[in-house]
Amino acid sequence: MTTEHYSQSTAFLDDAVRVQVLSEALPYIQEFSGRTVVIKYGGAAMKEGHLKERVIRDIVFLSCVGVRPVVVHGGGPEINSWLDKLGIEPQFKNGLRVTDAATMDVVEMVLVGRVNKEIVALINQSGGLAVGLCGKDGNLIRARPQGAADIGFVGEVSSVKVNILNSLVKSGYIPVVSSVAADEHGQAYNINADTVAGELAAALGAEKLILLTDTSGILQNYQDPSTLIHHLDISAARKLISDGIVSGGMIPKVNCCVRSLAQGVKAAHILDGRIPHALLLEIFSDRGIGSMIVA
């Protein structure tokens, strides 16, 4: 066989594999077409360029096949970088960023003005139609203080009005939401992006809430990725927390999933965003690659 014939044969096999994969994905595409999926985008998948490109393409793919993605993002590392440039030392208490007035200004500038618009631009460059928002827009999210006075303007979600999101997704746009919101007096608050994603998923009646993380999912033994728990319900998730199997930074993520499920979201997923095409593998395959929690 000549080199030319070998190249043509390889190309044909590649095309055949692509067609086969698309054919096998058809039932999932049909099942989720027209359904809303809320994706919390953060971690390494946001920081590393090659991962960022794949996540963005996956989001655009979902939109192109009729799924209605809503993206909620964080941006902690970039906030730290800008605080350092401005000579403001980042401080944390109990895992929460201490957010005084100066820090809040930087958080809003970075999340709303830089990170949000970068994601919007990347989606648009990849053929999607993205619109950037924060909690202040259209009174999408009303904030309230988290409670502890010594952490400053760290907020919780007080209420959600998703009219603007419904209008956008029905018109084929991909909303990209940063987790900055204001209280009834207009004071800005920094809210945990996982929390915002969970509350938006509940308010939208989403089919799925997907948290992209830097871990495989929920592990029976956090040191052994092979102990990944692929499927569990709310009671099992709560027991894992009470037994100490789910601990540290995974606790708020699991609690966020549980709250959204209790409010009507069909399924919540915790995925490793460092895996190429993690979103598509989780949604368009039986087994998936992460942990799925159901009601």
C-alpha atoms as a PDB file:
ATOM      1  CA  MET A   1       0.000   0.000   0.000  1.00  0.00           C
ATOM      2  CA  THR A   2       1.364   3.403  -0.953  1.00  0.00           C
ATOM      3  CA  THR A   3       1.672   6.235   1.526  1.00  0.00           C
ATOM      4  CA  GLU A   4      -1.128   8.067  -0.288  1.00  0.00           C
ATOM      5  CA  HIS A   5      -3.459   5.054  -0.090  1.00  0.00           C
ATOM      6  CA  TYR A   6      -2.586   4.550   3.592  1.00  0.00           C
ATOM      7  CA  SER A   7      -3.382   8.199   4.353  1.00  0.00           C
ATOM      8  CA  GLN A   8      -6.718   7.934   2.507  1.00  0.00           C
ATOM      9  CA  SER A   9      -7.567   4.720   4.372  1.00  0.00           C
ATOM     10  CA  THR A  10      -6.718   6.266   7.759  1.00  0.00           C
ATOM     11  CA  ALA A  11      -8.793   9.348   6.952  1.00  0.00           C
ATOM     12  CA  PHE A  12     -11.729   7.105   5.972  1.00  0.00           C
ATOM     13  CA  LEU A  13     -11.460   5.199   9.265  1.00  0.00           C
ATOM     14  CA  ASP A  14     -11.331   8.460  11.209  1.00  0.00           C
ATOM     15  CA  ASP A  15     -14.441   9.695   9.393  1.00  0.00           C
ATOM     16  CA  ALA A  16     -16.210   6.385  10.016  1.00  0.00           C
ATOM     17  CA  VAL A  17     -15.422   6.591  13.733  1.00  0.00           C
ATOM     18  CA  ARG A  18     -16.738  10.151  13.898  1.00  0.00           C
ATOM     19  CA  VAL A  19     -19.980   9.164  12.171  1.00  0.00           C
ATOM     20  CA  GLN A  20     -20.365   6.152  14.472  1.00  0.00           C
ATOM     21  CA  VAL A  21     -19.864   8.299  17.564  1.00  0.00           C
ATOM     22  CA  LEU A  22     -22.415  10.861  16.381  1.00  0.00           C
ATOM     23  CA  SER A  23     -24.880   8.087  15.593  1.00  0.00           C
ATOM     24  CA  GLU A  24     -24.500   6.593  19.079  1.00  0.00           C
ATOM     25  CA  ALA A  25     -24.936  10.033  20.656  1.00  0.00           C
ATOM     26  CA  LEU A  26     -28.251  10.615  18.848  1.00  0.00           C
ATOM     27  CA  PRO A  27     -30.528   9.211  21.616  1.00  0.00           C
ATOM     28  CA  TYR A  28     -28.874  11.475  24.186  1.00  0.00           C
ATOM     29  CA  ILE A  29     -29.103  14.490  21.888  1.00  0.00           C
ATOM     30  CA  GLN A  30     -32.803  13.780  21.386  1.00  0.00           C
ATOM     31  CA  GLU A  31     -33.350  13.318  25.130  1.00  0.00           C
ATOM     32  CA  PHE A  32     -31.700  16.569  26.178  1.00  0.00           C
ATOM     33  CA  SER A  33     -32.638  18.818  23.263  1.00  0.00           C
ATOM     34  CA  GLY A  34     -34.513  21.829  24.592  1.00  0.00           C
ATOM     35  CA  ARG A  35     -33.422  21.116  28.182  1.00  0.00           C
ATOM     36  CA  THR A  36     -31.414  23.555  30.296  1.00  0.00           C
ATOM     37  CA  VAL A  37     -28.014  22.527  31.660  1.00  0.00           C
ATOM     38  CA  VAL A  38     -26.243  24.808  34.148  1.00  0.00           C
ATOM     39  CA  ILE A  39     -22.449  24.480  34.056  1.00  0.00           C
ATOM     40  CA  LYS A  40     -20.197  25.830  36.789  1.00  0.00           C
ATOM     41  CA  TYR A  41     -16.905  26.532  35.029  1.00  0.00           C
ATOM     42  CA  GLY A  42     -13.751  26.900  37.128  1.00  0.00           C
ATOM     43  CA  GLY A  43     -10.577  25.216  38.322  1.00  0.00           C
ATOM     44  CA  ALA A  44      -7.805  24.083  35.993  1.00  0.00           C
ATOM     45  CA  ALA A  45     -10.238  23.937  33.062  1.00  0.00           C
ATOM     46  CA  MET A  46     -10.437  27.715  33.280  1.00  0.00           C
ATOM     47  CA  LYS A  47      -6.718  28.395  33.858  1.00  0.00           C
ATOM     48  CA  GLU A  48      -5.067  26.124  31.270  1.00  0.00           C
ATOM     49  CA  GLY A  49      -5.362  27.272  27.679  1.00  0.00           C
ATOM     50  CA  HIS A  50      -5.749  23.875  25.979  1.00  0.00           C
ATOM     51  CA  LEU A  51      -8.427  22.800  28.478  1.00  0.00           C
ATOM     52  CA  LYS A  52     -10.231  26.129  28.163  1.00  0.00           C
ATOM     53  CA  GLU A  53     -10.497  25.739  24.396  1.00  0.00           C
ATOM     54  CA  ARG A  54     -12.033  22.250  24.722  1.00  0.00           C
ATOM     55  CA  VAL A  55     -14.562  23.288  27.374  1.00  0.00           C
ATOM     56  CA  ILE A  56     -15.648  26.254  25.270  1.00  0.00           C
ATOM     57  CA  ARG A  57     -16.056  24.030  22.187  1.00  0.00           C
ATOM     58  CA  ASP A  58     -18.101  21.531  24.224  1.00  0.00           C
ATOM     59  CA  ILE A  59     -20.406  24.319  25.422  1.00  0.00           C
ATOM     60  CA  VAL A  60     -20.907  25.516  21.834  1.00  0.00           C
ATOM     61  CA  PHE A  61     -21.520  21.916  20.702  1.00  0.00           C
ATOM     62  CA  LEU A  62     -24.241  21.509  23.339  1.00  0.00           C
ATOM     63  CA  SER A  63     -25.908  24.670  22.100  1.00  0.00           C
ATOM     64  CA  CYS A  64     -25.688  23.554  18.472  1.00  0.00           C
ATOM     65  CA  VAL A  65     -27.484  20.249  19.176  1.00  0.00           C
ATOM     66  CA  GLY A  66     -30.362  21.913  20.984  1.00  0.00           C
ATOM     67  CA  VAL A  67     -29.238  21.784  24.614  1.00  0.00           C
ATOM     68  CA  ARG A  68     -29.578  25.109  26.459  1.00  0.00           C
ATOM     69  CA  PRO A  69     -26.341  25.715  28.402  1.00  0.00           C
ATOM     70  CA  VAL A  70     -26.080  28.385  31.079  1.00  0.00           C
ATOM     71  CA  VAL A  71     -22.506  29.014  32.274  1.00  0.00           C
ATOM     72  CA  VAL A  72     -21.604  30.263  35.757  1.00  0.00           C
ATOM     73  CA  HIS A  73     -17.926  31.029  36.378  1.00  0.00           C
ATOM     74  CA  GLY A  74     -15.490  31.772  39.142  1.00  0.00           C
ATOM     75  CA  GLY A  75     -12.071  33.387  38.813  1.00  0.00           C
ATOM     76  CA  GLY A  76     -10.171  33.131  42.092  1.00  0.00           C
ATOM     77  CA  PRO A  77      -6.623  32.867  40.677  1.00  0.00           C
ATOM     78  CA  GLU A  78      -7.065  35.945  38.471  1.00  0.00           C
ATOM     79  CA  ILE A  79      -8.522  37.877  41.418  1.00  0.00           C
ATOM     80  CA  ASN A  80      -5.416  36.972  43.452  1.00  0.00           C
ATOM     81  CA  SER A  81      -3.175  38.067  40.593  1.00  0.00           C
ATOM     82  CA  TRP A  82      -4.808  41.502  40.392  1.00  0.00           C
ATOM     83  CA  LEU A  83      -4.844  41.954  44.157  1.00  0.00           C
ATOM     84  CA  ASP A  84      -1.100  41.299  44.080  1.00  0.00           C
ATOM     85  CA  LYS A  85      -0.600  43.859  41.284  1.00  0.00           C
ATOM     86  CA  LEU A  86      -2.483  46.433  43.354  1.00  0.00           C
ATOM     87  CA  GLY A  87      -0.599  45.637  46.552  1.00  0.00           C
ATOM     88  CA  ILE A  88      -3.595  44.131  48.367  1.00  0.00           C
ATOM     89  CA  GLU A  89      -2.830  40.921  50.250  1.00  0.00           C
ATOM     90  CA  PRO A  90      -5.455  38.160  49.731  1.00  0.00           C
ATOM     91  CA  GLN A  91      -6.868  36.854  53.019  1.00  0.00           C
ATOM     92  CA  PHE A  92      -9.050  33.821  53.707  1.00  0.00           C
ATOM     93  CA  LYS A  93     -11.018  32.634  56.757  1.00  0.00           C
ATOM     94  CA  ASN A  94     -12.597  29.177  56.879  1.00  0.00           C
ATOM     95  CA  GLY A  95     -12.105  28.848  53.127  1.00  0.00           C
ATOM     96  CA  LEU A  96     -13.870  32.155  52.354  1.00  0.00           C
ATOM     97  CA  ARG A  97     -12.168  35.177  50.808  1.00  0.00           C
ATOM     98  CA  VAL A  98     -12.123  38.120  53.203  1.00  0.00           C
ATOM     99  CA  THR A  99     -13.696  40.828  51.040  1.00  0.00           C
ATOM    100  CA  ASP A 100     -13.314  44.380  52.294  1.00  0.00           C
ATOM    101  CA  ALA A 101     -14.395  47.349  50.159  1.00  0.00           C
ATOM    102  CA  ALA A 102     -11.112  47.542  48.221  1.00  0.00           C
ATOM    103  CA  THR A 103     -11.080  43.799  47.575  1.00  0.00           C
ATOM    104  CA  MET A 104     -14.723  43.879  46.476  1.00  0.00           C
ATOM    105  CA  ASP A 105     -13.868  46.508  43.872  1.00  0.00           C
ATOM    106  CA  VAL A 106     -11.149  44.231  42.482  1.00  0.00           C
ATOM    107  CA  VAL A 107     -13.407  41.146  42.583  1.00  0.00           C
ATOM    108  CA  GLU A 108     -16.100  42.941  40.607  1.00  0.00           C
ATOM    109  CA  MET A 109     -13.628  44.400  38.133  1.00  0.00           C
ATOM    110  CA  VAL A 110     -11.987  41.015  37.480  1.00  0.00           C
ATOM    111  CA  LEU A 111     -15.043  38.746  37.439  1.00  0.00           C
ATOM    112  CA  VAL A 112     -17.454  41.041  35.613  1.00  0.00           C
ATOM    113  CA  GLY A 113     -15.064  43.097  33.492  1.00  0.00           C
ATOM    114  CA  ARG A 114     -12.361  40.615  32.537  1.00  0.00           C
ATOM    115  CA  VAL A 115     -13.101  36.929  33.134  1.00  0.00           C
ATOM    116  CA  ASN A 116     -16.739  37.154  32.063  1.00  0.00           C
ATOM    117  CA  LYS A 117     -15.984  39.001  28.850  1.00  0.00           C
ATOM    118  CA  GLU A 118     -13.111  36.665  27.997  1.00  0.00           C
ATOM    119  CA  ILE A 119     -15.419  33.628  28.218  1.00  0.00           C
ATOM    120  CA  VAL A 120     -18.073  35.428  26.170  1.00  0.00           C
ATOM    121  CA  ALA A 121     -15.517  36.285  23.482  1.00  0.00           C
ATOM    122  CA  LEU A 122     -14.182  32.702  23.351  1.00  0.00           C
ATOM    123  CA  ILE A 123     -17.692  31.261  22.930  1.00  0.00           C
ATOM    124  CA  ASN A 124     -18.499  33.751  20.193  1.00  0.00           C
ATOM    125  CA  GLN A 125     -15.208  33.012  18.408  1.00  0.00           C
ATOM    126  CA  SER A 126     -16.094  29.300  18.475  1.00  0.00           C
ATOM    127  CA  GLY A 127     -19.408  29.878  16.731  1.00  0.00           C
ATOM    128  CA  GLY A 128     -21.725  30.311  19.710  1.00  0.00           C
ATOM    129  CA  LEU A 129     -23.787  33.317  20.746  1.00  0.00           C
ATOM    130  CA  ALA A 130     -22.876  34.288  24.306  1.00  0.00           C
ATOM    131  CA  VAL A 131     -24.122  37.139  26.484  1.00  0.00           C
ATOM    132  CA  GLY A 132     -22.281  38.134  29.657  1.00  0.00           C
ATOM    133  CA  LEU A 133     -24.176  38.947  32.856  1.00  0.00           C
ATOM    134  CA  CYS A 134     -23.656  39.333  36.575  1.00  0.00           C
ATOM    135  CA  GLY A 135     -26.186  39.009  39.356  1.00  0.00           C
ATOM    136  CA  LYS A 136     -26.976  42.726  39.152  1.00  0.00           C
ATOM    137  CA  ASP A 137     -28.280  42.512  35.585  1.00  0.00           C
ATOM    138  CA  GLY A 138     -32.068  42.396  35.429  1.00  0.00           C
ATOM    139  CA  ASN A 139     -32.074  41.756  39.204  1.00  0.00           C
ATOM    140  CA  LEU A 140     -30.998  38.237  38.310  1.00  0.00           C
ATOM    141  CA  ILE A 141     -29.611  37.570  41.814  1.00  0.00           C
ATOM    142  CA  ARG A 142     -30.313  39.484  45.009  1.00  0.00           C
ATOM    143  CA  ALA A 143     -27.582  39.084  47.617  1.00  0.00           C
ATOM    144  CA  ARG A 144     -27.533  39.157  51.397  1.00  0.00           C
ATOM    145  CA  PRO A 145     -24.550  39.101  53.802  1.00  0.00           C
ATOM    146  CA  GLN A 146     -23.114  35.660  54.485  1.00  0.00           C
ATOM    147  CA  GLY A 147     -23.344  36.379  58.179  1.00  0.00           C
ATOM    148  CA  ALA A 148     -19.839  36.664  59.589  1.00  0.00           C
ATOM    149  CA  ALA A 149     -18.866  40.321  60.022  1.00  0.00           C
ATOM    150  CA  ASP A 150     -15.125  39.630  59.816  1.00  0.00           C
ATOM    151  CA  ILE A 151     -15.247  38.419  56.184  1.00  0.00           C
ATOM    152  CA  GLY A 152     -16.713  41.601  54.723  1.00  0.00           C
ATOM    153  CA  PHE A 153     -18.785  41.606  51.541  1.00  0.00           C
ATOM    154  CA  VAL A 154     -19.129  37.842  51.107  1.00  0.00           C
ATOM    155  CA  GLY A 155     -22.726  37.109  50.222  1.00  0.00           C
ATOM    156  CA  GLU A 156     -25.348  34.436  49.896  1.00  0.00           C
ATOM    157  CA  VAL A 157     -28.188  34.193  47.399  1.00  0.00           C
ATOM    158  CA  SER A 158     -31.286  35.865  48.811  1.00  0.00           C
ATOM    159  CA  SER A 159     -33.515  35.551  45.738  1.00  0.00           C
ATOM    160  CA  VAL A 160     -33.331  34.771  42.027  1.00  0.00           C
ATOM    161  CA  LYS A 161     -35.283  36.154  39.048  1.00  0.00           C
ATOM    162  CA  VAL A 162     -34.458  34.162  35.933  1.00  0.00           C
ATOM    163  CA  ASN A 163     -36.675  35.994  33.421  1.00  0.00           C
ATOM    164  CA  ILE A 164     -33.652  37.399  31.612  1.00  0.00           C
ATOM    165  CA  LEU A 165     -31.999  33.952  31.408  1.00  0.00           C
ATOM    166  CA  ASN A 166     -35.179  32.344  30.067  1.00  0.00           C
ATOM    167  CA  SER A 167     -35.453  35.027  27.390  1.00  0.00           C
ATOM    168  CA  LEU A 168     -31.834  34.513  26.338  1.00  0.00           C
ATOM    169  CA  VAL A 169     -31.825  30.704  26.181  1.00  0.00           C
ATOM    170  CA  LYS A 170     -35.129  30.617  24.292  1.00  0.00           C
ATOM    171  CA  SER A 171     -33.552  32.944  21.715  1.00  0.00           C
ATOM    172  CA  GLY A 172     -30.522  30.675  21.283  1.00  0.00           C
ATOM    173  CA  TYR A 173     -28.049  32.652  23.379  1.00  0.00           C
ATOM    174  CA  ILE A 174     -25.638  31.183  25.934  1.00  0.00           C
ATOM    175  CA  PRO A 175     -25.776  33.230  29.171  1.00  0.00           C
ATOM    176  CA  VAL A 176     -22.432  33.547  30.968  1.00  0.00           C
ATOM    177  CA  VAL A 177     -22.979  34.606  34.591  1.00  0.00           C
ATOM    178  CA  SER A 178     -20.397  35.924  37.046  1.00  0.00           C
ATOM    179  CA  SER A 179     -21.147  35.456  40.728  1.00  0.00           C
ATOM    180  CA  VAL A 180     -21.252  39.136  41.745  1.00  0.00           C
ATOM    181  CA  ALA A 181     -24.631  40.424  42.991  1.00  0.00           C
ATOM    182  CA  ALA A 182     -26.028  43.307  45.033  1.00  0.00           C
ATOM    183  CA  ASP A 183     -28.338  43.660  48.015  1.00  0.00           C
ATOM    184  CA  GLU A 184     -31.457  45.857  48.093  1.00  0.00           C
ATOM    185  CA  HIS A 185     -29.260  48.914  48.770  1.00  0.00           C
ATOM    186  CA  GLY A 186     -27.001  48.297  45.768  1.00  0.00           C
ATOM    187  CA  GLN A 187     -24.019  47.064  47.793  1.00  0.00           C
ATOM    188  CA  ALA A 188     -22.049  44.518  45.777  1.00  0.00           C
ATOM    189  CA  TYR A 189     -21.276  41.081  47.224  1.00  0.00           C
ATOM    190  CA  ASN A 190     -18.989  38.256  46.184  1.00  0.00           C
ATOM    191  CA  ILE A 191     -20.914  34.946  46.176  1.00  0.00           C
ATOM    192  CA  ASN A 192     -19.503  31.440  45.811  1.00  0.00           C
ATOM    193  CA  ALA A 193     -19.906  30.414  42.151  1.00  0.00           C
ATOM    194  CA  ASP A 194     -20.989  26.842  43.028  1.00  0.00           C
ATOM    195  CA  THR A 195     -23.800  28.278  45.146  1.00  0.00           C
ATOM    196  CA  VAL A 196     -24.903  30.616  42.358  1.00  0.00           C
ATOM    197  CA  ALA A 197     -24.894  27.760  39.836  1.00  0.00           C
ATOM    198  CA  GLY A 198     -27.015  25.576  42.127  1.00  0.00           C
ATOM    199  CA  GLU A 199     -29.584  28.296  42.828  1.00  0.00           C
ATOM    200  CA  LEU A 200     -29.859  29.239  39.144  1.00  0.00           C
ATOM    201  CA  ALA A 201     -30.269  25.570  38.172  1.00  0.00           C
ATOM    202  CA  ALA A 202     -33.119  25.233  40.679  1.00  0.00           C
ATOM    203  CA  ALA A 203     -34.829  28.449  39.570  1.00  0.00           C
ATOM    204  CA  LEU A 204     -34.553  27.456  35.887  1.00  0.00           C
ATOM    205  CA  GLY A 205     -35.875  23.944  36.490  1.00  0.00           C
ATOM    206  CA  ALA A 206     -32.686  22.667  34.878  1.00  0.00           C
ATOM    207  CA  GLU A 207     -32.254  19.124  33.688  1.00  0.00           C
ATOM    208  CA  LYS A 208     -28.694  19.067  35.002  1.00  0.00           C
ATOM    209  CA  LEU A 209     -26.307  20.973  37.226  1.00  0.00           C
ATOM    210  CA  ILE A 210     -22.675  20.261  36.306  1.00  0.00           C
ATOM    211  CA  LEU A 211     -19.733  21.344  38.478  1.00  0.00           C
ATOM    212  CA  LEU A 212     -16.358  21.217  36.708  1.00  0.00           C
ATOM    213  CA  THR A 213     -13.678  20.634  39.359  1.00  0.00           C
ATOM    214  CA  ASP A 214     -10.057  19.523  39.717  1.00  0.00           C
ATOM    215  CA  THR A 215     -10.999  16.071  41.080  1.00  0.00           C
ATOM    216  CA  SER A 216     -12.480  12.945  39.494  1.00  0.00           C
ATOM    217  CA  GLY A 217     -15.702  13.378  41.466  1.00  0.00           C
ATOM    218  CA  ILE A 218     -16.792  11.874  44.780  1.00  0.00           C
ATOM    219  CA  LEU A 219     -14.272   9.251  45.901  1.00  0.00           C
ATOM    220  CA  GLN A 220     -14.739   6.509  48.483  1.00  0.00           C
ATOM    221  CA  ASN A 221     -11.025   6.997  49.223  1.00  0.00           C
ATOM    222  CA  TYR A 222      -9.871  10.502  48.311  1.00  0.00           C
ATOM    223  CA  GLN A 223      -6.329   9.185  47.638  1.00  0.00           C
ATOM    224  CA  ASP A 224      -7.509   6.556  45.133  1.00  0.00           C
ATOM    225  CA  PRO A 225      -9.181   7.768  41.897  1.00  0.00           C
ATOM    226  CA  SER A 226     -10.292   4.194  41.152  1.00  0.00           C
ATOM    227  CA  THR A 227     -12.801   4.465  44.052  1.00  0.00           C
ATOM    228  CA  LEU A 228     -14.907   7.009  42.142  1.00  0.00           C
ATOM    229  CA  ILE A 229     -18.597   6.746  43.029  1.00  0.00           C
ATOM    230  CA  HIS A 230     -20.409   7.074  39.712  1.00  0.00           C
ATOM    231  CA  HIS A 231     -24.021   7.207  40.887  1.00  0.00           C
ATOM    232  CA  LEU A 232     -25.679   8.049  44.216  1.00  0.00           C
ATOM    233  CA  ASP A 233     -28.815   9.650  45.627  1.00  0.00           C
ATOM    234  CA  ILE A 234     -29.341  12.462  48.137  1.00  0.00           C
ATOM    235  CA  SER A 235     -29.440  10.201  51.200  1.00  0.00           C
ATOM    236  CA  ALA A 236     -26.219   8.443  50.167  1.00  0.00           C
ATOM    237  CA  ALA A 237     -24.527  11.807  49.562  1.00  0.00           C
ATOM    238  CA  ARG A 238     -25.530  13.066  53.004  1.00  0.00           C
ATOM    239  CA  LYS A 239     -24.283   9.838  54.617  1.00  0.00           C
ATOM    240  CA  LEU A 240     -20.893  10.232  52.909  1.00  0.00           C
ATOM    241  CA  ILE A 241     -20.599  13.676  54.520  1.00  0.00           C
ATOM    242  CA  SER A 242     -21.683  12.475  57.972  1.00  0.00           C
ATOM    243  CA  ASP A 243     -19.269   9.517  57.743  1.00  0.00           C
ATOM    244  CA  GLY A 244     -16.392  11.851  56.863  1.00  0.00           C
ATOM    245  CA  ILE A 245     -15.803  10.261  53.450  1.00  0.00           C
ATOM    246  CA  VAL A 246     -16.719  13.521  51.760  1.00  0.00           C
ATOM    247  CA  SER A 247     -14.675  16.220  53.484  1.00  0.00           C
ATOM    248  CA  GLY A 248     -12.900  19.548  52.996  1.00  0.00           C
ATOM    249  CA  GLY A 249     -13.702  21.506  49.866  1.00  0.00           C
ATOM    250  CA  MET A 250     -15.906  18.734  48.486  1.00  0.00           C
ATOM    251  CA  ILE A 251     -18.517  19.244  51.239  1.00  0.00           C
ATOM    252  CA  PRO A 252     -19.882  22.581  49.916  1.00  0.00           C
ATOM    253  CA  LYS A 253     -19.948  21.168  46.374  1.00  0.00           C
ATOM    254  CA  VAL A 254     -21.977  18.111  47.417  1.00  0.00           C
ATOM    255  CA  ASN A 255     -24.261  20.269  49.575  1.00  0.00           C
ATOM    256  CA  CYS A 256     -24.780  22.602  46.615  1.00  0.00           C
ATOM    257  CA  CYS A 257     -25.823  19.611  44.475  1.00  0.00           C
ATOM    258  CA  VAL A 258     -28.159  18.295  47.179  1.00  0.00           C
ATOM    259  CA  ARG A 259     -29.874  21.686  47.562  1.00  0.00           C
ATOM    260  CA  SER A 260     -30.457  21.988  43.833  1.00  0.00           C
ATOM    261  CA  LEU A 261     -31.886  18.451  43.639  1.00  0.00           C
ATOM    262  CA  ALA A 262     -34.196  19.146  46.563  1.00  0.00           C
ATOM    263  CA  GLN A 263     -35.537  22.116  44.574  1.00  0.00           C
ATOM    264  CA  GLY A 264     -36.315  20.103  41.455  1.00  0.00           C
ATOM    265  CA  VAL A 265     -33.114  19.767  39.396  1.00  0.00           C
ATOM    266  CA  LYS A 266     -33.138  16.295  37.811  1.00  0.00           C
ATOM    267  CA  ALA A 267     -29.453  15.409  38.260  1.00  0.00           C
ATOM    268  CA  ALA A 268     -26.258  17.014  39.564  1.00  0.00           C
ATOM    269  CA  HIS A 269     -22.796  16.047  38.337  1.00  0.00           C
ATOM    270  CA  ILE A 270     -19.309  16.618  39.747  1.00  0.00           C
ATOM    271  CA  LEU A 271     -16.698  16.176  36.993  1.00  0.00           C
ATOM    272  CA  ASP A 272     -12.975  16.487  36.490  1.00  0.00           C
ATOM    273  CA  GLY A 273     -12.722  19.437  34.123  1.00  0.00           C
ATOM    274  CA  ARG A 274      -9.129  18.496  33.294  1.00  0.00           C
ATOM    275  CA  ILE A 275     -10.356  15.526  31.231  1.00  0.00           C
ATOM    276  CA  PRO A 276     -10.733  16.490  27.553  1.00  0.00           C
ATOM    277  CA  HIS A 277     -14.397  16.836  26.569  1.00  0.00           C
ATOM    278  CA  ALA A 278     -15.559  15.980  30.103  1.00  0.00           C
ATOM    279  CA  LEU A 279     -18.929  17.650  29.485  1.00  0.00           C
ATOM    280  CA  LEU A 280     -19.733  15.603  26.389  1.00  0.00           C
ATOM    281  CA  LEU A 281     -18.510  12.355  27.949  1.00  0.00           C
ATOM    282  CA  GLU A 282     -20.766  12.869  30.961  1.00  0.00           C
ATOM    283  CA  ILE A 283     -23.900  13.934  29.105  1.00  0.00           C
ATOM    284  CA  PHE A 284     -23.738  11.758  25.983  1.00  0.00           C
ATOM    285  CA  SER A 285     -22.733   8.379  27.460  1.00  0.00           C
ATOM    286  CA  ASP A 286     -24.388   5.851  29.791  1.00  0.00           C
ATOM    287  CA  ARG A 287     -21.667   5.586  32.402  1.00  0.00           C
ATOM    288  CA  GLY A 288     -20.236   9.076  32.235  1.00  0.00           C
ATOM    289  CA  ILE A 289     -16.905  10.005  33.788  1.00  0.00           C
ATOM    290  CA  GLY A 290     -17.788  11.722  37.071  1.00  0.00           C
ATOM    291  CA  SER A 291     -20.215  11.418  39.976  1.00  0.00           C
ATOM    292  CA  MET A 292     -23.922  11.849  39.336  1.00  0.00           C
ATOM    293  CA  ILE A 293     -26.263  12.600  42.239  1.00  0.00           C
ATOM    294  CA  VAL A 294     -30.020  12.174  41.790  1.00  0.00           C
ATOM    295  CA  ALA A 295     -32.981  12.888  44.015  1.00  0.00           C
END
